Amino acid sequence: MSAELRIERLRKVFATGKPAVDDVSFTVAAGEIVALLGPSGCGKTTTLRCVAGLEHPSDGVIRIGGAVVSAPAENVLVPPRQRNIGMVFQSYAVWPHMTVWQNVAYPLRRRGLGRAELEHRVGEALDLVGLAEYAQRSVVLLSGGQMQRVALARSVVYQPQLLLLDEPLSNLDANLRLRLRDDLRRIIKRTGVTALYVTHDQSEAVVLGDRIGVMREGKLLQLAPPTEIYNRPADLFVASFTGASNLLAGRVLDRDGEFGTVEAASGHRLVAWLPRGIAAGAAVKIAVRPENVQCGSHGEGQNQFSATVLAQRYEGAQTVYDLAALGGQLAVLELGTSARHAVGSTVAITLPPALCWAYADG
């Protein structure tokens, strides 16, 4: 049975004195998948290890299914084996001297299940991950993706109330990672287990997570559904880390509700979405995703400008153009490998106001 995970003001400080996790609070509802996303060293794995009991928090409270499993102030620290959690690591962590069936059956044997129930549960778990036909095969004869499926089956076979996954796809090659990514969400959802998933890969987080939490330097900056993270990043770091690589300097001239008029370094004016707290006169960075810049003939609407093509790059199924515009430089992504805009030419561009975000500079 899945359980709610509640983390309240979690803090973890190592010997260096700098917090690895700094006042982090969030809740994962029963049956929900939350993906923690961020660069190396941001605190996402430390947060997960605190939930697992593999790290001892310096402060804060962790509850699983309503029960307190960690509260340093009250001297509460439930051992990992008593938290009823499953964990899938970055390394496959399978026992090489065992078959697939024996690996998956091991947690049930440790719990003393009867033979009939054990065989039933192992069979269900192997069916779930698509490895039933490999049951008697040695795990050392499996591919990396298959070994990770064994690890996943072993983690869910005893029906934990919480599943923790620490970058489980990062050791796989790119094509296999894409295939297993979609399967992983389906498998987790079929079990109904609550899951906390750690990754540095944005596309993984978007596909797997019902909500995504973006972390930086121990802080949780934003926790929201993927569409909100993508279309309304909370700050400049979240926007940049999730792909808004175009940054233009500007200054806010006025504000009207959620949007404002911003003067770019070139003197051109454009309309952009403004987070709360940014008022007229503020220096800002305007963030725009390359795929959101519309390149071609002008139509009706705001934020239409001219730009000069500086360079073009072919990237398989898409072409990327570097443009000089608005006193800065923009990357523009277009599907297709046929160059439509020659280097040195002038092109019309449109920046949709809802997809231009102006954040406080610095």
Protein backbone atom coordinates (compact mmCIF):
# COMPACT_ATOMS: atom_id res chain seq x y z
CA MET A 1 0.00 0.00 0.00
CA SER A 2 1.39 3.42 -0.96
CA ALA A 3 1.88 6.09 1.66
CA GLU A 4 2.27 9.85 1.80
CA LEU A 5 5.81 11.16 2.24
CA ARG A 6 6.08 14.42 4.16
CA ILE A 7 9.35 16.30 4.61
CA GLU A 8 9.39 19.31 6.93
CA ARG A 9 12.29 21.77 7.11
CA LEU A 10 14.88 19.11 6.33
CA ARG A 11 18.46 20.13 6.87
CA LYS A 12 21.68 18.17 6.45
CA VAL A 13 25.09 19.63 7.25
CA PHE A 14 28.30 17.70 6.60
CA ALA A 15 31.74 18.35 8.11
CA THR A 16 32.41 21.31 5.80
CA GLY A 17 29.73 23.28 7.63
CA LYS A 18 27.85 24.20 4.46
CA PRO A 19 24.31 22.73 4.32
CA ALA A 20 23.89 20.05 1.65
CA VAL A 21 20.14 20.28 2.23
CA ASP A 22 18.90 23.60 3.55
CA ASP A 23 15.38 23.96 5.00
CA VAL A 24 13.62 21.77 2.41
CA SER A 25 9.91 21.02 2.82
CA PHE A 26 7.53 19.18 0.49
CA THR A 27 4.92 16.43 0.40
CA VAL A 28 4.55 13.51 -1.99
CA ALA A 29 0.95 12.30 -2.04
CA ALA A 30 0.18 8.59 -1.88
CA GLY A 31 0.63 7.11 -5.36
CA GLU A 32 2.36 10.23 -6.72
CA ILE A 33 5.76 10.38 -8.44
CA VAL A 34 7.86 13.43 -7.57
CA ALA A 35 11.13 13.94 -9.45
CA LEU A 36 13.90 15.96 -7.80
CA LEU A 37 15.87 17.71 -10.54
CA GLY A 38 19.10 19.67 -10.35
CA PRO A 39 22.83 19.75 -11.08
CA SER A 40 25.41 17.65 -9.25
CA GLY A 41 25.86 18.78 -5.67
CA CYS A 42 22.46 20.48 -5.39
CA GLY A 43 21.26 18.24 -2.53
CA LYS A 44 18.75 16.03 -4.34
CA THR A 45 20.49 12.71 -3.62
CA THR A 46 21.23 13.72 -0.03
CA THR A 47 17.51 14.46 0.41
CA LEU A 48 16.65 11.00 -0.93
CA ARG A 49 19.26 9.32 1.29
CA CYS A 50 17.83 11.09 4.33
CA VAL A 51 14.39 9.71 3.46
CA ALA A 52 15.92 6.25 3.08
CA GLY A 53 17.74 6.52 6.41
CA LEU A 54 21.16 6.17 4.76
CA GLU A 55 22.03 9.70 5.90
CA HIS A 56 21.15 11.14 9.30
CA PRO A 57 19.52 14.59 8.98
CA SER A 58 20.83 17.46 11.06
CA ASP A 59 17.33 18.87 11.57
CA GLY A 60 13.75 18.58 10.36
CA VAL A 61 11.09 15.88 10.33
CA ILE A 62 10.43 13.07 7.84
CA ARG A 63 7.11 11.21 7.90
CA ILE A 64 6.19 8.14 5.85
CA GLY A 65 2.52 7.19 5.97
CA GLY A 66 2.02 9.56 8.89
CA ALA A 67 4.68 7.86 11.02
CA VAL A 68 7.76 9.87 12.01
CA VAL A 69 10.89 8.07 10.78
CA SER A 70 13.35 10.90 11.42
CA ALA A 71 13.26 13.81 13.86
CA PRO A 72 16.68 14.70 15.30
CA ALA A 73 15.21 17.21 17.75
CA GLU A 74 13.15 14.38 19.30
CA ASN A 75 15.94 11.80 18.98
CA VAL A 76 13.88 9.73 16.51
CA LEU A 77 15.74 7.79 13.81
CA VAL A 78 14.06 4.68 12.43
CA PRO A 79 16.59 2.30 10.75
CA PRO A 80 16.26 1.92 6.95
CA ARG A 81 15.14 -1.74 7.21
CA GLN A 82 12.14 -0.69 9.31
CA ARG A 83 10.88 2.05 6.98
CA ASN A 84 9.23 -0.32 4.46
CA ILE A 85 10.83 1.36 1.46
CA GLY A 86 12.20 0.08 -1.83
CA MET A 87 15.28 1.61 -3.41
CA VAL A 88 16.73 1.48 -6.92
CA PHE A 89 20.31 2.73 -7.17
CA GLN A 90 22.33 4.23 -10.02
CA SER A 91 24.39 1.05 -10.11
CA TYR A 92 22.35 -2.07 -10.78
CA ALA A 93 23.21 -3.58 -7.37
CA VAL A 94 22.11 -7.08 -8.38
CA TRP A 95 23.71 -10.20 -6.93
CA PRO A 96 25.89 -11.63 -9.72
CA HIS A 97 25.91 -15.20 -8.32
CA MET A 98 22.09 -15.45 -8.49
CA THR A 99 19.56 -15.92 -11.24
CA VAL A 100 16.94 -13.29 -12.06
CA TRP A 101 14.34 -15.24 -10.05
CA GLN A 102 16.64 -15.59 -7.05
CA ASN A 103 17.47 -11.87 -7.04
CA VAL A 104 13.81 -10.89 -6.99
CA ALA A 105 12.86 -13.56 -4.47
CA TYR A 106 15.59 -12.63 -1.99
CA PRO A 107 13.67 -9.87 -0.10
CA LEU A 108 10.68 -12.20 0.32
CA ARG A 109 12.84 -15.02 1.61
CA ARG A 110 14.34 -12.63 4.18
CA ARG A 111 10.77 -11.87 5.28
CA GLY A 112 9.93 -15.53 5.65
CA LEU A 113 7.12 -15.78 3.10
CA GLY A 114 5.72 -19.21 2.30
CA ARG A 115 6.72 -20.90 -0.95
CA ALA A 116 3.37 -20.46 -2.72
CA GLU A 117 3.06 -16.75 -1.88
CA LEU A 118 6.72 -16.16 -2.74
CA GLU A 119 6.40 -17.76 -6.17
CA HIS A 120 3.20 -15.82 -6.87
CA ARG A 121 4.73 -12.45 -5.98
CA VAL A 122 7.98 -13.06 -7.86
CA GLY A 123 6.01 -14.12 -10.93
CA GLU A 124 3.90 -10.95 -10.75
CA ALA A 125 6.98 -8.74 -10.34
CA LEU A 126 8.79 -10.33 -13.29
CA ASP A 127 5.68 -10.00 -15.46
CA LEU A 128 5.45 -6.35 -14.43
CA VAL A 129 8.97 -5.56 -15.64
CA GLY A 130 8.79 -7.83 -18.69
CA LEU A 131 11.37 -10.39 -17.55
CA ALA A 132 9.26 -13.50 -16.92
CA GLU A 133 11.03 -15.44 -19.69
CA TYR A 134 14.44 -14.63 -18.15
CA ALA A 135 13.58 -15.94 -14.67
CA GLN A 136 16.20 -18.72 -14.63
CA ARG A 137 18.91 -16.76 -16.42
CA SER A 138 22.01 -15.57 -14.56
CA VAL A 139 21.90 -11.80 -14.14
CA VAL A 140 25.45 -11.48 -15.51
CA LEU A 141 24.08 -12.54 -18.91
CA LEU A 142 21.61 -9.63 -19.02
CA SER A 143 21.95 -6.22 -20.61
CA GLY A 144 22.23 -3.11 -18.45
CA GLY A 145 18.58 -2.25 -19.00
CA GLN A 146 17.49 -5.76 -18.05
CA MET A 147 19.60 -5.68 -14.88
CA GLN A 148 17.97 -2.42 -13.88
CA ARG A 149 14.57 -4.04 -14.43
CA VAL A 150 15.65 -6.83 -12.08
CA ALA A 151 16.60 -4.21 -9.49
CA LEU A 152 13.21 -2.54 -9.92
CA ALA A 153 11.33 -5.85 -9.60
CA ARG A 154 13.30 -6.68 -6.45
CA SER A 155 12.39 -3.28 -4.99
CA VAL A 156 8.63 -3.61 -5.53
CA VAL A 157 8.13 -7.36 -4.98
CA TYR A 158 7.57 -6.97 -1.21
CA GLN A 159 5.07 -4.12 -1.82
CA PRO A 160 6.87 -1.21 -0.10
CA GLN A 161 4.91 1.89 0.80
CA LEU A 162 7.55 4.17 -0.74
CA LEU A 163 9.94 3.69 -3.70
CA LEU A 164 13.16 5.72 -3.93
CA LEU A 165 15.08 5.89 -7.21
CA ASP A 166 18.53 7.49 -7.39
CA GLU A 167 19.35 8.25 -11.05
CA PRO A 168 18.54 4.66 -12.08
CA LEU A 169 18.95 5.29 -15.82
CA SER A 170 22.19 7.26 -15.86
CA ASN A 171 24.42 4.21 -16.49
CA LEU A 172 22.49 3.19 -19.62
CA ASP A 173 23.24 4.23 -23.20
CA ALA A 174 21.10 7.02 -24.68
CA ASN A 175 18.71 4.89 -26.75
CA LEU A 176 18.09 2.38 -23.97
CA ARG A 177 17.59 5.19 -21.48
CA LEU A 178 14.82 6.65 -23.63
CA ARG A 179 13.03 3.30 -23.95
CA LEU A 180 13.29 2.38 -20.29
CA ARG A 181 12.26 5.87 -19.17
CA ASP A 182 8.73 5.44 -20.56
CA ASP A 183 8.46 1.89 -19.21
CA LEU A 184 9.58 2.98 -15.78
CA ARG A 185 6.69 5.39 -15.30
CA ARG A 186 4.20 2.78 -16.50
CA ILE A 187 5.60 0.17 -14.12
CA ILE A 188 5.59 2.51 -11.11
CA LYS A 189 2.05 3.65 -11.83
CA ARG A 190 0.84 0.07 -12.18
CA THR A 191 2.15 -0.77 -8.73
CA GLY A 192 0.49 2.34 -7.26
CA VAL A 193 3.53 2.98 -5.05
CA THR A 194 4.55 6.48 -3.96
CA ALA A 195 7.87 7.36 -5.59
CA LEU A 196 10.65 9.89 -5.13
CA TYR A 197 12.89 10.00 -8.21
CA VAL A 198 16.26 11.80 -8.37
CA THR A 199 17.75 12.91 -11.70
CA HIS A 200 19.84 15.63 -13.35
CA ASP A 201 18.11 14.99 -16.70
CA GLN A 202 15.26 17.39 -17.49
CA SER A 203 13.58 15.11 -20.03
CA GLU A 204 13.58 12.24 -17.52
CA ALA A 205 11.96 14.42 -14.89
CA VAL A 206 9.29 15.65 -17.33
CA VAL A 207 8.36 12.15 -18.50
CA LEU A 208 8.44 10.45 -15.09
CA GLY A 209 7.29 13.03 -12.58
CA ASP A 210 3.73 14.03 -11.73
CA ARG A 211 5.51 17.00 -10.21
CA ILE A 212 9.10 18.20 -10.48
CA GLY A 213 11.15 19.79 -7.71
CA VAL A 214 14.11 21.85 -8.91
CA MET A 215 16.97 22.16 -6.43
CA ARG A 216 20.07 24.32 -6.22
CA GLU A 217 22.70 24.56 -3.46
CA GLY A 218 20.52 22.65 -1.00
CA LYS A 219 17.39 24.74 -1.62
CA LEU A 220 14.14 23.60 -3.24
CA LEU A 221 13.42 26.45 -5.66
CA GLN A 222 10.17 25.24 -7.23
CA LEU A 223 7.90 22.20 -6.95
CA ALA A 224 5.19 22.05 -9.60
CA PRO A 225 3.75 19.96 -12.46
CA PRO A 226 6.03 19.67 -15.52
CA THR A 227 3.93 22.10 -17.57
CA GLU A 228 4.26 24.79 -14.90
CA ILE A 229 8.01 24.22 -14.51
CA TYR A 230 8.35 24.51 -18.29
CA ASN A 231 6.01 27.47 -18.90
CA ARG A 232 6.35 29.40 -15.63
CA PRO A 233 9.80 28.87 -14.11
CA ALA A 234 10.03 30.39 -10.65
CA ASP A 235 13.37 32.12 -11.19
CA LEU A 236 16.24 32.56 -13.61
CA PHE A 237 18.05 29.42 -12.46
CA VAL A 238 15.00 27.20 -12.98
CA ALA A 239 14.43 28.74 -16.42
CA SER A 240 18.08 28.31 -17.46
CA PHE A 241 18.45 24.79 -16.07
CA THR A 242 15.32 23.63 -17.87
CA GLY A 243 16.42 24.92 -21.25
CA ALA A 244 15.83 28.68 -21.48
CA SER A 245 19.35 29.31 -22.76
CA ASN A 246 18.61 32.69 -24.39
CA LEU A 247 19.23 35.55 -21.97
CA LEU A 248 18.83 39.23 -22.90
CA ALA A 249 19.53 42.22 -20.69
CA GLY A 250 16.74 44.71 -20.14
CA ARG A 251 14.96 47.11 -17.80
CA VAL A 252 11.29 47.11 -16.79
CA LEU A 253 9.46 50.25 -17.93
CA ASP A 254 6.03 49.48 -16.51
CA ARG A 255 3.92 46.61 -15.24
CA ASP A 256 0.33 45.57 -16.00
CA GLY A 257 -0.74 42.53 -13.98
CA GLU A 258 1.45 39.51 -14.74
CA PHE A 259 3.10 41.19 -17.73
CA GLY A 260 5.30 44.20 -18.20
CA THR A 261 7.00 46.28 -20.87
CA VAL A 262 10.76 45.75 -20.93
CA GLU A 263 13.34 47.83 -22.78
CA ALA A 264 16.12 45.67 -24.22
CA ALA A 265 19.76 46.77 -24.51
CA SER A 266 19.07 47.74 -28.13
CA GLY A 267 16.34 50.17 -27.07
CA HIS A 268 13.56 47.96 -28.47
CA ARG A 269 10.58 47.33 -26.26
CA LEU A 270 8.94 43.97 -25.70
CA VAL A 271 6.24 42.49 -23.48
CA ALA A 272 7.29 39.77 -21.03
CA TRP A 273 5.87 37.83 -18.10
CA LEU A 274 7.10 39.15 -14.76
CA PRO A 275 7.28 37.18 -11.50
CA ARG A 276 5.93 38.83 -8.37
CA GLY A 277 8.11 41.47 -6.79
CA ILE A 278 9.58 42.92 -9.97
CA ALA A 279 8.54 46.55 -10.39
CA ALA A 280 9.17 49.34 -12.90
CA GLY A 281 12.83 50.35 -13.07
CA ALA A 282 14.22 46.91 -12.19
CA ALA A 283 17.14 45.53 -14.19
CA VAL A 284 16.19 42.12 -15.57
CA LYS A 285 17.33 39.21 -17.67
CA ILE A 286 14.83 38.10 -20.28
CA ALA A 287 14.84 34.30 -20.66
CA VAL A 288 13.52 32.63 -23.83
CA ARG A 289 13.73 29.01 -24.94
CA PRO A 290 15.25 28.49 -28.43
CA GLU A 291 12.19 26.51 -29.54
CA ASN A 292 9.87 29.38 -28.52
CA VAL A 293 11.46 31.96 -30.83
CA GLN A 294 9.40 32.07 -34.01
CA CYS A 295 11.56 32.75 -37.03
CA GLY A 296 10.02 33.82 -40.34
CA SER A 297 7.45 36.27 -41.65
CA HIS A 298 5.66 38.54 -39.22
CA GLY A 299 1.99 38.10 -38.48
CA GLU A 300 -0.30 39.84 -36.04
CA GLY A 301 0.79 40.35 -32.46
CA GLN A 302 3.45 41.75 -30.16
CA ASN A 303 7.21 41.33 -29.85
CA GLN A 304 8.10 41.32 -33.54
CA PHE A 305 11.64 42.29 -34.46
CA SER A 306 14.35 41.91 -37.08
CA ALA A 307 17.50 39.85 -36.52
CA THR A 308 20.68 38.97 -38.39
CA VAL A 309 21.73 35.35 -38.89
CA LEU A 310 25.23 34.85 -37.46
CA ALA A 311 25.59 31.07 -37.83
CA GLN A 312 23.69 27.86 -38.46
CA ARG A 313 24.24 24.37 -37.09
CA TYR A 314 22.73 21.08 -38.19
CA GLU A 315 21.76 18.83 -35.29
CA GLY A 316 20.16 15.78 -36.81
CA ALA A 317 16.43 16.41 -37.12
CA GLN A 318 16.74 20.12 -36.37
CA THR A 319 18.69 23.23 -37.33
CA VAL A 320 19.89 25.81 -34.81
CA TYR A 321 20.49 29.42 -35.85
CA ASP A 322 22.46 31.99 -33.90
CA LEU A 323 20.89 35.43 -34.35
CA ALA A 324 21.97 38.93 -33.40
CA ALA A 325 18.89 40.66 -31.99
CA LEU A 326 17.78 43.12 -29.32
CA GLY A 327 21.34 43.99 -28.33
CA GLY A 328 22.27 40.38 -27.66
CA GLN A 329 22.35 36.96 -29.23
CA LEU A 330 19.56 34.41 -29.59
CA ALA A 331 19.63 30.72 -30.47
CA VAL A 332 16.62 29.63 -32.52
CA LEU A 333 15.65 26.02 -33.07
CA GLU A 334 13.76 24.86 -36.14
CA LEU A 335 12.79 21.31 -37.07
CA GLY A 336 14.27 20.03 -40.30
CA THR A 337 17.81 19.92 -41.65
CA SER A 338 17.31 22.18 -44.67
CA ALA A 339 18.71 25.65 -44.04
CA ARG A 340 16.03 28.26 -44.66
CA HIS A 341 17.98 31.30 -43.51
CA ALA A 342 21.42 32.09 -44.93
CA VAL A 343 24.23 33.40 -42.74
CA GLY A 344 24.28 37.20 -42.96
CA SER A 345 20.64 37.51 -43.95
CA THR A 346 18.02 39.50 -42.06
CA VAL A 347 15.05 37.55 -40.70
CA ALA A 348 11.87 38.42 -38.87
CA ILE A 349 11.44 36.97 -35.39
CA THR A 350 8.55 36.89 -32.91
CA LEU A 351 8.91 36.31 -29.18
CA PRO A 352 5.52 35.23 -27.74
CA PRO A 353 4.98 37.40 -24.61
CA ALA A 354 3.72 34.47 -22.51
CA LEU A 355 6.93 32.57 -23.26
CA CYS A 356 9.32 35.46 -22.48
CA TRP A 357 10.14 35.67 -18.79
CA ALA A 358 11.90 38.60 -17.16
CA TYR A 359 13.75 37.88 -13.89
CA ALA A 360 15.66 40.16 -11.56
CA ASP A 361 19.23 40.46 -12.82
CA GLY A 362 21.44 38.99 -10.12
